[in-house]
C-alpha atoms as a PDB file:
ATOM      1  CA  UNK A   1       0.015   0.403   0.066  1.00  0.00           C
ATOM      2  CA  UNK A   2       1.517   3.166  -0.783  1.00  0.00           C
ATOM      3  CA  UNK A   3       1.411   6.178   1.303  1.00  0.00           C
ATOM      4  CA  UNK A   4      -0.020   8.406  -1.532  1.00  0.00           C
ATOM      5  CA  UNK A   5      -3.014   6.038  -1.808  1.00  0.00           C
ATOM      6  CA  UNK A   6      -5.739   8.607  -1.486  1.00  0.00           C
ATOM      7  CA  UNK A   7      -7.911   6.101   0.840  1.00  0.00           C
ATOM      8  CA  UNK A   8      -5.361   6.693   3.630  1.00  0.00           C
ATOM      9  CA  UNK A   9      -6.691   9.700   4.842  1.00  0.00           C
ATOM     10  CA  UNK A  10     -10.029   8.409   5.322  1.00  0.00           C
ATOM     11  CA  UNK A  11      -9.014   5.445   7.059  1.00  0.00           C
ATOM     12  CA  UNK A  12      -6.997   7.817   9.785  1.00  0.00           C
ATOM     13  CA  UNK A  13     -10.158  10.157   9.729  1.00  0.00           C
ATOM     14  CA  UNK A  14     -12.565   7.360  10.282  1.00  0.00           C
ATOM     15  CA  UNK A  15     -10.170   4.899  13.274  1.00  0.00           C
ATOM     16  CA  UNK A  16      -7.612   7.541  14.273  1.00  0.00           C
ATOM     17  CA  UNK A  17      -4.896   5.281  12.697  1.00  0.00           C
ATOM     18  CA  UNK A  18      -3.634   4.253  10.060  1.00  0.00           C
ATOM     19  CA  UNK A  19      -0.877   1.560   8.716  1.00  0.00           C
ATOM     20  CA  UNK A  20       0.788   0.889   5.139  1.00  0.00           C
ATOM     21  CA  UNK A  21       3.621  -0.861   4.348  1.00  0.00           C
ATOM     22  CA  UNK A  22       7.199   0.636   3.310  1.00  0.00           C
ATOM     23  CA  UNK A  23       7.914  -1.277  -0.197  1.00  0.00           C
ATOM     24  CA  UNK A  24      11.519  -2.809  -0.358  1.00  0.00           C
ATOM     25  CA  UNK A  25      13.952   0.291  -1.458  1.00  0.00           C
ATOM     26  CA  UNK A  26      17.328   1.441  -1.957  1.00  0.00           C
ATOM     27  CA  UNK A  27      17.428   4.510  -0.144  1.00  0.00           C
ATOM     28  CA  UNK A  28      14.800   6.354   1.546  1.00  0.00           C
ATOM     29  CA  UNK A  29      15.524  10.031   2.777  1.00  0.00           C
ATOM     30  CA  UNK A  30      12.881  12.323   4.546  1.00  0.00           C
ATOM     31  CA  UNK A  31      13.792  15.530   4.863  1.00  0.00           C
ATOM     32  CA  UNK A  32      12.539  17.528   8.512  1.00  0.00           C
ATOM     33  CA  UNK A  33       8.894  17.777   8.792  1.00  0.00           C
ATOM     34  CA  UNK A  34       6.145  17.121  11.337  1.00  0.00           C
ATOM     35  CA  UNK A  35       2.828  15.768  11.621  1.00  0.00           C
ATOM     36  CA  UNK A  36       0.097  16.291  13.962  1.00  0.00           C
ATOM     37  CA  UNK A  37      -0.340  12.306  14.328  1.00  0.00           C
ATOM     38  CA  UNK A  38       2.104  10.451  16.048  1.00  0.00           C
ATOM     39  CA  UNK A  39       3.890   8.099  14.452  1.00  0.00           C
ATOM     40  CA  UNK A  40       5.259   4.430  14.488  1.00  0.00           C
ATOM     41  CA  UNK A  41       7.603   2.849  11.591  1.00  0.00           C
ATOM     42  CA  UNK A  42       9.290  -0.335  12.142  1.00  0.00           C
ATOM     43  CA  UNK A  43      11.855  -2.419  10.016  1.00  0.00           C
ATOM     44  CA  UNK A  44      11.543  -5.462   8.564  1.00  0.00           C
ATOM     45  CA  UNK A  45      15.341  -4.958   6.726  1.00  0.00           C
ATOM     46  CA  UNK A  46      17.820  -2.032   6.455  1.00  0.00           C
ATOM     47  CA  UNK A  47      18.109   0.514   8.906  1.00  0.00           C
ATOM     48  CA  UNK A  48      16.608   3.980   9.738  1.00  0.00           C
ATOM     49  CA  UNK A  49      18.380   6.803  11.420  1.00  0.00           C
ATOM     50  CA  UNK A  50      15.929   9.504  13.138  1.00  0.00           C
ATOM     51  CA  UNK A  51      17.621  12.915  13.852  1.00  0.00           C
ATOM     52  CA  UNK A  52      15.555  15.909  15.693  1.00  0.00           C
ATOM     53  CA  UNK A  53      17.275  19.277  17.310  1.00  0.00           C
ATOM     54  CA  UNK A  54      18.062  17.234  20.913  1.00  0.00           C
ATOM     55  CA  UNK A  55      19.591  13.898  19.369  1.00  0.00           C
ATOM     56  CA  UNK A  56      19.391  11.037  17.037  1.00  0.00           C
ATOM     57  CA  UNK A  57      17.787   7.454  17.866  1.00  0.00           C
ATOM     58  CA  UNK A  58      18.780   4.487  15.336  1.00  0.00           C
ATOM     59  CA  UNK A  59      16.427   1.764  14.377  1.00  0.00           C
ATOM     60  CA  UNK A  60      17.685  -1.785  13.225  1.00  0.00           C
ATOM     61  CA  UNK A  61      15.321  -4.441  12.020  1.00  0.00           C
ATOM     62  CA  UNK A  62      12.794  -5.622  14.680  1.00  0.00           C
ATOM     63  CA  UNK A  63      12.586  -2.534  16.243  1.00  0.00           C
ATOM     64  CA  UNK A  64      10.027   0.132  15.572  1.00  0.00           C
ATOM     65  CA  UNK A  65      10.938   3.722  16.338  1.00  0.00           C
ATOM     66  CA  UNK A  66       8.193   6.228  17.640  1.00  0.00           C
ATOM     67  CA  UNK A  67       8.009  10.019  16.791  1.00  0.00           C
ATOM     68  CA  UNK A  68       5.270  11.781  19.212  1.00  0.00           C
ATOM     69  CA  UNK A  69       3.027  14.380  17.244  1.00  0.00           C
ATOM     70  CA  UNK A  70       4.368  17.874  15.915  1.00  0.00           C
ATOM     71  CA  UNK A  71       8.003  16.676  16.848  1.00  0.00           C
ATOM     72  CA  UNK A  72      10.423  18.058  13.720  1.00  0.00           C
ATOM     73  CA  UNK A  73      12.584  15.292  12.137  1.00  0.00           C
ATOM     74  CA  UNK A  74      14.140  13.729   9.425  1.00  0.00           C
ATOM     75  CA  UNK A  75      14.769  10.255   8.407  1.00  0.00           C
ATOM     76  CA  UNK A  76      17.060   8.279   6.309  1.00  0.00           C
ATOM     77  CA  UNK A  77      17.958   5.135   6.283  1.00  0.00           C
ATOM     78  CA  UNK A  78      20.914   2.701   5.371  1.00  0.00           C
ATOM     79  CA  UNK A  79      21.252  -0.086   3.053  1.00  0.00           C
ATOM     80  CA  UNK A  80      17.864  -1.487   1.400  1.00  0.00           C
ATOM     81  CA  UNK A  81      14.940  -0.873   3.437  1.00  0.00           C
ATOM     82  CA  UNK A  82      11.464  -1.894   3.936  1.00  0.00           C
ATOM     83  CA  UNK A  83       8.931  -2.399   6.471  1.00  0.00           C
ATOM     84  CA  UNK A  84       6.143  -0.654   7.747  1.00  0.00           C
ATOM     85  CA  UNK A  85       4.494   2.964   9.159  1.00  0.00           C
ATOM     86  CA  UNK A  86       1.756   3.905  11.620  1.00  0.00           C
ATOM     87  CA  UNK A  87      -0.498   7.231  11.725  1.00  0.00           C
ATOM     88  CA  UNK A  88      -1.753   7.658  15.342  1.00  0.00           C
ATOM     89  CA  UNK A  89      -3.919  10.122  16.841  1.00  0.00           C
ATOM     90  CA  UNK A  90      -2.699  10.818  20.270  1.00  0.00           C
ATOM     91  CA  UNK A  91      -5.423  13.205  21.431  1.00  0.00           C
ATOM     92  CA  UNK A  92      -6.841  11.907  24.580  1.00  0.00           C
ATOM     93  CA  UNK A  93      -4.583   8.604  24.546  1.00  0.00           C
ATOM     94  CA  UNK A  94      -2.554   9.037  28.126  1.00  0.00           C
ATOM     95  CA  UNK A  95       0.788   7.592  29.101  1.00  0.00           C
ATOM     96  CA  UNK A  96       2.069   7.470  25.236  1.00  0.00           C
ATOM     97  CA  UNK A  97       6.125   8.365  25.055  1.00  0.00           C
ATOM     98  CA  UNK A  98       6.615  12.600  25.126  1.00  0.00           C
ATOM     99  CA  UNK A  99       9.757  12.129  23.256  1.00  0.00           C
ATOM    100  CA  UNK A 100      10.945   9.853  20.438  1.00  0.00           C
ATOM    101  CA  UNK A 101      12.459   6.542  21.300  1.00  0.00           C
ATOM    102  CA  UNK A 102      13.233   3.297  19.328  1.00  0.00           C
ATOM    103  CA  UNK A 103      11.270   0.683  21.103  1.00  0.00           C
ATOM    104  CA  UNK A 104      11.163  -3.151  21.474  1.00  0.00           C
ATOM    105  CA  UNK A 105       8.423  -5.158  18.810  1.00  0.00           C
ATOM    106  CA  UNK A 106       6.634  -7.480  20.374  1.00  0.00           C
ATOM    107  CA  UNK A 107       5.081 -10.378  17.797  1.00  0.00           C
ATOM    108  CA  UNK A 108       1.755  -8.940  18.816  1.00  0.00           C
ATOM    109  CA  UNK A 109       2.282  -5.502  18.187  1.00  0.00           C
ATOM    110  CA  UNK A 110       3.722  -6.391  14.414  1.00  0.00           C
ATOM    111  CA  UNK A 111       0.325  -8.458  13.969  1.00  0.00           C
ATOM    112  CA  UNK A 112      -1.679  -5.749  15.364  1.00  0.00           C
ATOM    113  CA  UNK A 113       0.237  -3.396  12.749  1.00  0.00           C
ATOM    114  CA  UNK A 114      -0.618  -5.956   9.826  1.00  0.00           C
ATOM    115  CA  UNK A 115      -4.654  -6.544  10.906  1.00  0.00           C
ATOM    116  CA  UNK A 116      -5.041  -2.564  10.389  1.00  0.00           C
ATOM    117  CA  UNK A 117      -3.216  -2.678   6.756  1.00  0.00           C
ATOM    118  CA  UNK A 118      -6.182  -4.305   6.022  1.00  0.00           C
ATOM    119  CA  UNK A 119      -8.339  -1.667   7.265  1.00  0.00           C
ATOM    120  CA  UNK A 120      -8.168   0.560   3.998  1.00  0.00           C
ATOM    121  CA  UNK A 121     -10.251  -2.157   2.733  1.00  0.00           C
ATOM    122  CA  UNK A 122     -13.160  -1.311   5.120  1.00  0.00           C
ATOM    123  CA  UNK A 123     -12.090   1.699   7.095  1.00  0.00           C
ATOM    124  CA  UNK A 124     -15.643   1.834   8.763  1.00  0.00           C
ATOM    125  CA  UNK A 125     -15.405   2.173  12.264  1.00  0.00           C
ATOM    126  CA  UNK A 126     -16.750  -0.686  14.826  1.00  0.00           C
ATOM    127  CA  UNK A 127     -16.265  -1.968  18.327  1.00  0.00           C
ATOM    128  CA  UNK A 128     -13.774  -4.679  17.258  1.00  0.00           C
ATOM    129  CA  UNK A 129     -11.740  -2.563  15.545  1.00  0.00           C
ATOM    130  CA  UNK A 130     -11.707   0.368  18.554  1.00  0.00           C
ATOM    131  CA  UNK A 131     -10.425  -2.197  20.936  1.00  0.00           C
ATOM    132  CA  UNK A 132      -7.832  -3.357  18.645  1.00  0.00           C
ATOM    133  CA  UNK A 133      -6.479   0.257  18.606  1.00  0.00           C
ATOM    134  CA  UNK A 134      -6.846   0.284  22.156  1.00  0.00           C
ATOM    135  CA  UNK A 135      -4.604  -2.599  22.401  1.00  0.00           C
ATOM    136  CA  UNK A 136      -1.895  -1.010  19.972  1.00  0.00           C
ATOM    137  CA  UNK A 137      -1.799   1.893  22.546  1.00  0.00           C
ATOM    138  CA  UNK A 138      -1.428   0.015  25.365  1.00  0.00           C
ATOM    139  CA  UNK A 139       1.310  -2.369  23.319  1.00  0.00           C
ATOM    140  CA  UNK A 140       3.388   1.004  22.730  1.00  0.00           C
ATOM    141  CA  UNK A 141       3.217   1.988  26.086  1.00  0.00           C
ATOM    142  CA  UNK A 142       4.626  -1.387  27.200  1.00  0.00           C
ATOM    143  CA  UNK A 143       6.767  -1.685  24.943  1.00  0.00           C
ATOM    144  CA  UNK A 144      10.764  -1.154  26.276  1.00  0.00           C
ATOM    145  CA  UNK A 145      12.560   1.460  25.102  1.00  0.00           C
ATOM    146  CA  UNK A 146      15.944   0.087  23.399  1.00  0.00           C
ATOM    147  CA  UNK A 147      20.024   1.768  24.037  1.00  0.00           C
ATOM    148  CA  UNK A 148      19.839   3.260  20.579  1.00  0.00           C
ATOM    149  CA  UNK A 149      19.794   7.028  21.282  1.00  0.00           C
ATOM    150  CA  UNK A 150      22.466   9.470  21.062  1.00  0.00           C
ATOM    151  CA  UNK A 151      21.567  12.666  22.315  1.00  0.00           C
ATOM    152  CA  UNK A 152      22.925  16.097  21.829  1.00  0.00           C
ATOM    153  CA  UNK A 153      23.203  19.161  24.351  1.00  0.00           C
ATOM    154  CA  UNK A 154      21.424  22.118  23.600  1.00  0.00           C
ATOM    155  CA  UNK A 155      24.406  24.708  24.569  1.00  0.00           C
ATOM    156  CA  UNK A 156      26.581  25.961  21.559  1.00  0.00           C
ATOM    157  CA  UNK A 157      30.003  25.052  23.297  1.00  0.00           C
ATOM    158  CA  UNK A 158      28.743  21.186  23.928  1.00  0.00           C
ATOM    159  CA  UNK A 159      27.316  21.048  20.762  1.00  0.00           C
ATOM    160  CA  UNK A 160      30.674  21.510  19.543  1.00  0.00           C
ATOM    161  CA  UNK A 161      32.246  19.285  21.685  1.00  0.00           C
ATOM    162  CA  UNK A 162      30.097  16.713  20.647  1.00  0.00           C
ATOM    163  CA  UNK A 163      30.982  17.376  16.974  1.00  0.00           C
ATOM    164  CA  UNK A 164      34.229  17.269  17.773  1.00  0.00           C
ATOM    165  CA  UNK A 165      34.390  13.964  19.500  1.00  0.00           C
ATOM    166  CA  UNK A 166      32.238  12.496  16.194  1.00  0.00           C
ATOM    167  CA  UNK A 167      35.266  13.463  14.258  1.00  0.00           C
ATOM    168  CA  UNK A 168      37.681  12.583  16.529  1.00  0.00           C
ATOM    169  CA  UNK A 169      37.357  10.028  19.227  1.00  0.00           C
ATOM    170  CA  UNK A 170      40.001   9.300  20.449  1.00  0.00           C
ATOM    171  CA  UNK A 171      40.651  12.932  21.629  1.00  0.00           C
ATOM    172  CA  UNK A 172      38.117  13.527  24.612  1.00  0.00           C
ATOM    173  CA  UNK A 173      40.305  14.581  27.166  1.00  0.00           C
ATOM    174  CA  UNK A 174      42.439  17.435  24.675  1.00  0.00           C
ATOM    175  CA  UNK A 175      38.870  18.666  23.046  1.00  0.00           C
ATOM    176  CA  UNK A 176      37.662  18.931  27.087  1.00  0.00           C
ATOM    177  CA  UNK A 177      40.534  20.722  27.925  1.00  0.00           C
ATOM    178  CA  UNK A 178      40.525  23.148  24.877  1.00  0.00           C
ATOM    179  CA  UNK A 179      36.621  23.916  24.532  1.00  0.00           C
ATOM    180  CA  UNK A 180      37.339  24.485  28.316  1.00  0.00           C
ATOM    181  CA  UNK A 181      39.434  27.549  28.111  1.00  0.00           C
ATOM    182  CA  UNK A 182      37.974  28.818  24.962  1.00  0.00           C
ATOM    183  CA  UNK A 183      34.837  29.583  26.727  1.00  0.00           C
ATOM    184  CA  UNK A 184      36.177  30.150  30.013  1.00  0.00           C
ATOM    185  CA  UNK A 185      34.979  27.015  32.381  1.00  0.00           C
ATOM    186  CA  UNK A 186      36.724  24.828  34.291  1.00  0.00           C
ATOM    187  CA  UNK A 187      36.752  20.850  32.560  1.00  0.00           C
ATOM    188  CA  UNK A 188      34.996  19.976  35.391  1.00  0.00           C
ATOM    189  CA  UNK A 189      31.880  22.570  34.873  1.00  0.00           C
ATOM    190  CA  UNK A 190      32.133  21.579  31.432  1.00  0.00           C
ATOM    191  CA  UNK A 191      32.051  18.102  31.897  1.00  0.00           C
ATOM    192  CA  UNK A 192      29.097  18.853  34.070  1.00  0.00           C
ATOM    193  CA  UNK A 193      27.102  20.623  32.081  1.00  0.00           C
ATOM    194  CA  UNK A 194      27.366  18.412  29.293  1.00  0.00           C
ATOM    195  CA  UNK A 195      26.331  15.252  31.888  1.00  0.00           C
ATOM    196  CA  UNK A 196      23.840  17.271  32.430  1.00  0.00           C
ATOM    197  CA  UNK A 197      21.886  18.032  28.978  1.00  0.00           C
ATOM    198  CA  UNK A 198      22.975  14.917  27.786  1.00  0.00           C
ATOM    199  CA  UNK A 199      22.731  12.319  30.480  1.00  0.00           C
ATOM    200  CA  UNK A 200      26.111  11.239  29.414  1.00  0.00           C
ATOM    201  CA  UNK A 201      29.673  11.895  30.396  1.00  0.00           C
ATOM    202  CA  UNK A 202      31.439  13.136  27.021  1.00  0.00           C
ATOM    203  CA  UNK A 203      33.166   9.435  27.577  1.00  0.00           C
ATOM    204  CA  UNK A 204      29.989   7.873  27.865  1.00  0.00           C
ATOM    205  CA  UNK A 205      28.620   9.816  24.814  1.00  0.00           C
ATOM    206  CA  UNK A 206      31.918   8.495  23.058  1.00  0.00           C
ATOM    207  CA  UNK A 207      31.000   4.931  23.356  1.00  0.00           C
ATOM    208  CA  UNK A 208      27.399   5.724  22.578  1.00  0.00           C
ATOM    209  CA  UNK A 209      28.121   7.494  19.278  1.00  0.00           C
ATOM    210  CA  UNK A 210      30.887   4.957  18.425  1.00  0.00           C
ATOM    211  CA  UNK A 211      28.992   1.648  18.572  1.00  0.00           C
ATOM    212  CA  UNK A 212      25.860   3.883  16.569  1.00  0.00           C
ATOM    213  CA  UNK A 213      28.175   4.423  14.206  1.00  0.00           C
ATOM    214  CA  UNK A 214      29.647   0.988  13.503  1.00  0.00           C
ATOM    215  CA  UNK A 215      26.069   0.269  13.502  1.00  0.00           C
ATOM    216  CA  UNK A 216      25.190   2.006   9.832  1.00  0.00           C
ATOM    217  CA  UNK A 217      28.126   1.022   8.790  1.00  0.00           C
ATOM    218  CA  UNK A 218      27.554  -2.770   9.208  1.00  0.00           C
ATOM    219  CA  UNK A 219      24.587  -2.315   7.525  1.00  0.00           C
ATOM    220  CA  UNK A 220      26.620  -0.739   4.547  1.00  0.00           C
ATOM    221  CA  UNK A 221      28.623  -4.188   4.988  1.00  0.00           C
ATOM    222  CA  UNK A 222      31.657  -3.124   6.093  1.00  0.00           C
ATOM    223  CA  UNK A 223      34.206  -5.843   7.937  1.00  0.00           C
ATOM    224  CA  UNK A 224      33.949  -5.545  11.841  1.00  0.00           C
ATOM    225  CA  UNK A 225      37.605  -4.472  11.681  1.00  0.00           C
ATOM    226  CA  UNK A 226      36.911  -1.921   8.773  1.00  0.00           C
ATOM    227  CA  UNK A 227      34.415  -0.322  11.146  1.00  0.00           C
ATOM    228  CA  UNK A 228      36.084  -0.678  14.553  1.00  0.00           C
ATOM    229  CA  UNK A 229      39.028   1.341  12.682  1.00  0.00           C
ATOM    230  CA  UNK A 230      36.726   4.083  11.165  1.00  0.00           C
ATOM    231  CA  UNK A 231      34.459   4.739  14.661  1.00  0.00           C
ATOM    232  CA  UNK A 232      37.790   5.313  16.251  1.00  0.00           C
ATOM    233  CA  UNK A 233      38.999   2.064  18.053  1.00  0.00           C
ATOM    234  CA  UNK A 234      42.640   0.780  17.842  1.00  0.00           C
ATOM    235  CA  UNK A 235      41.950  -2.017  18.861  1.00  0.00           C
ATOM    236  CA  UNK A 236      39.254  -4.557  16.967  1.00  0.00           C
ATOM    237  CA  UNK A 237      38.771  -6.546  21.089  1.00  0.00           C
ATOM    238  CA  UNK A 238      37.994  -3.518  22.568  1.00  0.00           C
ATOM    239  CA  UNK A 239      35.298  -2.365  20.004  1.00  0.00           C
ATOM    240  CA  UNK A 240      33.944  -6.027  20.295  1.00  0.00           C
ATOM    241  CA  UNK A 241      33.912  -5.341  23.785  1.00  0.00           C
ATOM    242  CA  UNK A 242      32.218  -1.941  23.429  1.00  0.00           C
ATOM    243  CA  UNK A 243      30.034  -3.122  21.051  1.00  0.00           C
ATOM    244  CA  UNK A 244      28.585  -6.633  23.203  1.00  0.00           C
ATOM    245  CA  UNK A 245      28.511  -4.308  25.995  1.00  0.00           C
ATOM    246  CA  UNK A 246      25.962  -2.271  24.835  1.00  0.00           C
ATOM    247  CA  UNK A 247      23.901  -4.340  22.661  1.00  0.00           C
ATOM    248  CA  UNK A 248      24.426  -7.618  24.149  1.00  0.00           C
ATOM    249  CA  UNK A 249      25.512  -9.033  20.793  1.00  0.00           C
ATOM    250  CA  UNK A 250      29.049  -9.125  19.304  1.00  0.00           C
ATOM    251  CA  UNK A 251      29.242  -7.018  15.861  1.00  0.00           C
ATOM    252  CA  UNK A 252      29.551 -10.317  14.062  1.00  0.00           C
ATOM    253  CA  UNK A 253      26.609 -11.824  15.655  1.00  0.00           C
ATOM    254  CA  UNK A 254      24.500  -8.472  14.629  1.00  0.00           C
ATOM    255  CA  UNK A 255      25.760  -8.481  10.940  1.00  0.00           C
ATOM    256  CA  UNK A 256      24.354 -11.432  10.937  1.00  0.00           C
ATOM    257  CA  UNK A 257      21.126 -11.459  12.309  1.00  0.00           C
ATOM    258  CA  UNK A 258      20.042  -8.216  11.349  1.00  0.00           C
ATOM    259  CA  UNK A 259      16.583  -9.730  10.490  1.00  0.00           C
ATOM    260  CA  UNK A 260      15.837 -10.945  13.674  1.00  0.00           C
ATOM    261  CA  UNK A 261      14.693  -8.636  16.654  1.00  0.00           C
END
C-alpha cells in the first residue's frame, strides 16, 4: 500500500489510526518535517536513522521507532529498507512516550499493525477495531525502550564538543581541555554541564556514538575490522567488547542476524 494512496486519510479520520507498508527500496530520505499525529515506524530490513534537534535514534530491523506528534524530524535509511508505518491520533491517549525512542517490537504489536493494514479496504469504525486501537496504544506504552539513542546538548559550546568528539573520538580529553579554555569554564564545569544536558559523560557519549555509527557501517556491509578502525578504535578487541556491552551481542553476531528482533 503506497503512502500516497488517496484512501489513507479516510482511514485515519474514521479510525484514528492508519497503517501502510513500506515497500523494499534501496534508499529512503525524508527531509525535516512534522505531523499532527504520532508515528510508529518498524523495519523488517535495513536501518533507519531518525534525527531531531536534540538527538538521533538508530532503528535496526526487528525494532520500531516512535515519533510523538508535532516533533520536527528527518529520517534516512542505510542499505535496502522495508517495513511499515503507522500514524496514530494521540489526542486523549495518556501515557504515550513524549519523546522519540526506539522500542522493542513484540509479536503482538507487529500482528496488530498487519491487521490494521487491511483496514484501507474497510475503513468503517466498529467496536472490534476500536478495541484493537486500544491494544495498539497499550502495546506502545508497554514496549521497552532500546539503547539506540544519541542525545545532543542544546548549548552551542557543548554541541561543538559533541561534534569534535564525533570527528575525533580518541581526543576526548584534549577536546574537553581546549574547549574549556576557549569558553572560560573549568573542565569540571564543562564535564558536568555536558552530563546534565545529555545524561551521559563525554566518554559515555563518545562510546555510544561509536557503537551507533558502527551499526550504520555494518549495515552498509563493512567488515568488523574496517568498522572498528573507522569509528576510532585502535583495537578490534576493545571495539567488540564495547559493542557487546551496549547491545548484548558481538558485531559479527549483529551483522549476521540483522533481521531478528
